[in-house]
Amino acid sequence: MLKQRLSPINNIASSYGIGILMLAVFAVLAWETLFQDAMNFFDDNIVRLIRYFANPVLDKIMIIMSDMGFGKSFVVIAMVTFLLLAYLKRWLEVYVLAICLGGSSLLGILLKNLFHRTRPELLPMVQTTSFSFPSLHALMAVCFYGMVAFLIARAVTSRRGRLAVTIFAVVLITAIGISRIYLEAHYPTDVIAGYTIGSAWLVFCTSLLNLKS
């Protein structure tokens, strides 16, 4: 009985530990990238590596993946998710998911305007006027798809099922980040920064659900 009571507390403590670690990684990355110019070699070479595989078919795939990160497809998927949760009367999940998405969007906008990093030379297929660091697509992908995967995993009883959900979410989130680099909408460090700050916010939001476990 005592072990069952302590389990949510241990989960929350672990979540906050991961969140603090992600914040520390983000801080170091921001310092090295924006104030020390120490990541230029890394950014340039990763962009060259990814763009080496560019072709018309991959262009279309990457546009689709980017749209799933924070575009029309993302909006449709998010709306369907909210409607499904509402239909199932999972109101706590609805509220926490709304907090997760709203907070991540606001956080991304604030950080972009704080750091004022200009974007790479955009391809004709990409149109945006906001700043580059961190990637809002990467941040939102981590928070939304990460939260959805967390909710599904909580409902899945088998370990293999939870692992499959986790792997699918990680692959999708990674593909969205790569698409932003491929389209030269972001530097790789922008995407990594989005992942780290998004992960920190995600674990905070999931801890709200663990409180009710």
Protein backbone atom coordinates (compact mmCIF):
# COMPACT_ATOMS: atom_id res chain seq x y z
CA MET A 1 0.00 0.00 0.00
CA LEU A 2 2.77 2.43 0.91
CA LYS A 3 4.57 1.58 -2.34
CA GLN A 4 1.42 2.40 -4.34
CA ARG A 5 1.11 5.76 -2.60
CA LEU A 6 4.73 6.63 -3.23
CA SER A 7 4.63 5.66 -6.91
CA PRO A 8 3.01 8.91 -8.17
CA ILE A 9 5.40 10.93 -6.02
CA ASN A 10 8.39 9.08 -7.47
CA ASN A 11 7.04 9.64 -11.00
CA ILE A 12 6.62 13.36 -10.36
CA ALA A 13 10.10 13.66 -8.84
CA SER A 14 11.60 11.85 -11.82
CA SER A 15 9.67 14.10 -14.21
CA TYR A 16 10.94 17.26 -12.54
CA GLY A 17 14.48 15.87 -12.58
CA ILE A 18 14.23 15.30 -16.34
CA GLY A 19 12.68 18.74 -16.77
CA ILE A 20 15.51 20.46 -14.91
CA LEU A 21 18.06 18.54 -16.98
CA MET A 22 16.35 19.62 -20.23
CA LEU A 23 16.32 23.24 -19.07
CA ALA A 24 20.04 23.02 -18.31
CA VAL A 25 20.74 21.58 -21.78
CA PHE A 26 18.67 24.36 -23.35
CA ALA A 27 20.56 27.03 -21.40
CA VAL A 28 23.95 25.63 -22.43
CA LEU A 29 22.84 25.29 -26.04
CA ALA A 30 21.54 28.87 -26.14
CA TRP A 31 24.78 30.18 -24.63
CA GLU A 32 27.07 28.21 -26.95
CA THR A 33 24.98 28.92 -30.05
CA LEU A 34 23.91 32.53 -29.69
CA PHE A 35 26.57 34.11 -27.49
CA GLN A 36 29.70 32.07 -28.19
CA ASP A 37 29.12 31.18 -31.88
CA ALA A 38 30.46 27.73 -31.01
CA MET A 39 27.85 25.72 -32.92
CA ASN A 40 28.24 27.16 -36.42
CA PHE A 41 30.38 24.24 -37.65
CA PHE A 42 27.84 21.76 -36.31
CA ASP A 43 24.89 23.60 -37.86
CA ASP A 44 26.52 24.02 -41.27
CA ASN A 45 27.61 20.41 -41.59
CA ILE A 46 24.32 18.90 -40.47
CA VAL A 47 22.45 21.10 -42.95
CA ARG A 48 24.80 20.01 -45.75
CA LEU A 49 24.37 16.36 -44.80
CA ILE A 50 20.57 16.53 -44.81
CA ARG A 51 20.35 18.65 -47.96
CA TYR A 52 22.64 16.18 -49.75
CA PHE A 53 19.64 13.87 -50.10
CA ALA A 54 17.32 16.58 -51.47
CA ASN A 55 15.07 15.62 -54.39
CA PRO A 56 11.56 16.59 -55.56
CA VAL A 57 9.86 13.58 -53.95
CA LEU A 58 11.57 14.16 -50.62
CA ASP A 59 10.66 17.85 -50.86
CA LYS A 60 6.97 16.93 -50.83
CA ILE A 61 7.41 14.46 -47.97
CA MET A 62 9.24 17.01 -45.87
CA ILE A 63 6.58 19.65 -46.49
CA ILE A 64 3.95 17.17 -45.25
CA MET A 65 6.02 16.35 -42.16
CA SER A 66 6.60 20.04 -41.45
CA ASP A 67 2.86 20.69 -41.72
CA MET A 68 2.24 17.99 -39.13
CA GLY A 69 4.53 19.87 -36.78
CA PHE A 70 2.64 23.14 -36.77
CA GLY A 71 0.41 23.66 -39.80
CA LYS A 72 -3.02 22.78 -41.14
CA SER A 73 -2.52 19.07 -40.58
CA PHE A 74 -1.42 19.76 -37.01
CA VAL A 75 -4.56 21.82 -36.35
CA VAL A 76 -6.83 19.06 -37.71
CA ILE A 77 -5.09 16.34 -35.66
CA ALA A 78 -5.23 18.49 -32.52
CA MET A 79 -8.93 19.26 -32.99
CA VAL A 80 -9.78 15.59 -33.53
CA THR A 81 -7.82 14.70 -30.40
CA PHE A 82 -9.65 17.27 -28.29
CA LEU A 83 -13.03 16.17 -29.65
CA LEU A 84 -12.24 12.52 -28.94
CA LEU A 85 -11.18 13.27 -25.38
CA ALA A 86 -14.31 15.37 -24.87
CA TYR A 87 -16.48 12.57 -26.28
CA LEU A 88 -14.88 10.17 -23.81
CA LYS A 89 -15.44 12.77 -21.05
CA ARG A 90 -11.74 12.78 -20.19
CA TRP A 91 -11.94 16.36 -19.01
CA LEU A 92 -8.72 16.38 -17.00
CA GLU A 93 -6.80 15.24 -20.08
CA VAL A 94 -8.53 17.94 -22.14
CA TYR A 95 -7.49 20.65 -19.69
CA VAL A 96 -3.90 19.42 -19.35
CA LEU A 97 -3.49 19.03 -23.12
CA ALA A 98 -4.83 22.57 -23.58
CA ILE A 99 -2.35 23.86 -20.99
CA CYS A 100 0.45 21.92 -22.68
CA LEU A 101 -0.32 23.30 -26.14
CA GLY A 102 -1.13 26.85 -25.07
CA GLY A 103 1.91 27.06 -22.82
CA SER A 104 4.28 25.62 -25.41
CA SER A 105 3.06 28.07 -28.06
CA LEU A 106 3.45 31.05 -25.74
CA LEU A 107 6.84 29.81 -24.54
CA GLY A 108 8.13 29.40 -28.09
CA ILE A 109 7.02 32.88 -29.13
CA LEU A 110 8.54 34.49 -26.05
CA LEU A 111 11.88 32.73 -26.52
CA LYS A 112 12.01 33.57 -30.23
CA ASN A 113 11.55 37.24 -29.47
CA LEU A 114 14.03 37.07 -26.60
CA PHE A 115 16.90 35.59 -28.63
CA HIS A 116 16.18 37.25 -32.02
CA ARG A 117 18.09 34.70 -34.09
CA THR A 118 17.62 35.21 -37.82
CA ARG A 119 16.66 32.21 -39.92
CA PRO A 120 18.81 30.49 -42.56
CA GLU A 121 18.33 31.48 -46.18
CA LEU A 122 14.83 30.12 -46.71
CA LEU A 123 13.89 27.94 -49.66
CA PRO A 124 11.12 29.27 -51.96
CA MET A 125 8.70 26.65 -50.57
CA VAL A 126 9.02 28.05 -47.03
CA GLN A 127 7.36 31.28 -45.99
CA THR A 128 7.79 32.66 -42.48
CA THR A 129 8.82 35.94 -40.86
CA SER A 130 9.38 34.92 -37.23
CA PHE A 131 12.73 34.41 -35.53
CA SER A 132 14.53 31.08 -35.59
CA PHE A 133 15.58 30.02 -32.07
CA PRO A 134 14.03 27.77 -30.83
CA SER A 135 12.04 25.92 -33.47
CA LEU A 136 8.35 26.27 -32.65
CA HIS A 137 7.57 23.24 -34.83
CA ALA A 138 9.95 21.08 -32.80
CA LEU A 139 8.67 22.47 -29.51
CA MET A 140 5.01 21.95 -30.40
CA ALA A 141 5.67 18.48 -31.83
CA VAL A 142 7.30 17.34 -28.61
CA CYS A 143 4.52 18.77 -26.45
CA PHE A 144 1.53 17.62 -28.51
CA TYR A 145 2.64 14.24 -29.83
CA GLY A 146 4.52 13.54 -26.63
CA MET A 147 1.40 14.24 -24.56
CA VAL A 148 -0.80 12.15 -26.88
CA ALA A 149 1.68 9.27 -26.65
CA PHE A 150 1.68 9.62 -22.86
CA LEU A 151 -2.12 9.47 -22.73
CA ILE A 152 -2.27 6.43 -25.02
CA ALA A 153 0.52 4.66 -23.12
CA ARG A 154 -1.39 5.15 -19.86
CA ALA A 155 -4.34 3.30 -21.37
CA VAL A 156 -2.29 0.46 -22.89
CA THR A 157 -1.72 -2.48 -20.56
CA SER A 158 1.02 -4.33 -22.45
CA ARG A 159 4.65 -3.26 -22.25
CA ARG A 160 5.12 -3.90 -25.97
CA GLY A 161 2.15 -1.69 -26.75
CA ARG A 162 3.55 1.18 -24.69
CA LEU A 163 6.94 0.73 -26.30
CA ALA A 164 5.39 0.81 -29.79
CA VAL A 165 3.51 4.02 -28.99
CA THR A 166 6.66 5.62 -27.62
CA ILE A 167 8.78 4.64 -30.61
CA PHE A 168 6.16 5.92 -33.06
CA ALA A 169 5.99 9.28 -31.25
CA VAL A 170 9.78 9.63 -31.16
CA VAL A 171 10.10 8.81 -34.87
CA LEU A 172 7.36 11.28 -35.79
CA ILE A 173 8.81 14.07 -33.66
CA THR A 174 12.28 13.42 -35.05
CA ALA A 175 10.98 13.46 -38.63
CA ILE A 176 9.27 16.80 -38.02
CA GLY A 177 12.51 18.29 -36.72
CA ILE A 178 14.50 16.94 -39.66
CA SER A 179 11.93 18.39 -42.06
CA ARG A 180 12.54 21.87 -40.67
CA ILE A 181 16.27 21.50 -41.23
CA TYR A 182 15.76 19.98 -44.69
CA LEU A 183 13.54 22.91 -45.69
CA GLU A 184 16.20 25.26 -44.27
CA ALA A 185 13.59 26.90 -42.07
CA HIS A 186 15.80 26.26 -39.04
CA TYR A 187 19.35 25.47 -38.03
CA PRO A 188 19.83 22.10 -36.31
CA THR A 189 20.49 23.87 -33.00
CA ASP A 190 17.09 25.58 -33.30
CA VAL A 191 15.44 22.17 -33.56
CA ILE A 192 17.43 20.69 -30.66
CA ALA A 193 16.56 23.74 -28.57
CA GLY A 194 12.88 23.20 -29.40
CA TYR A 195 13.16 19.57 -28.34
CA THR A 196 14.80 20.38 -25.02
CA ILE A 197 12.54 23.23 -23.93
CA GLY A 198 9.52 21.28 -25.21
CA SER A 199 10.56 18.23 -23.19
CA ALA A 200 10.90 20.35 -20.06
CA TRP A 201 7.39 21.75 -20.49
CA LEU A 202 5.99 18.31 -21.41
CA VAL A 203 7.24 16.62 -18.25
CA PHE A 204 5.75 19.43 -16.18
CA CYS A 205 2.37 18.92 -17.86
CA THR A 206 2.46 15.14 -17.51
CA SER A 207 3.23 15.58 -13.81
CA LEU A 208 -0.18 17.29 -13.48
CA LEU A 209 -1.78 14.05 -14.59
CA ASN A 210 0.43 12.01 -12.28
CA LEU A 211 -0.96 13.99 -9.36
CA LYS A 212 -4.32 12.37 -10.05
CA SER A 213 -2.90 8.88 -10.58
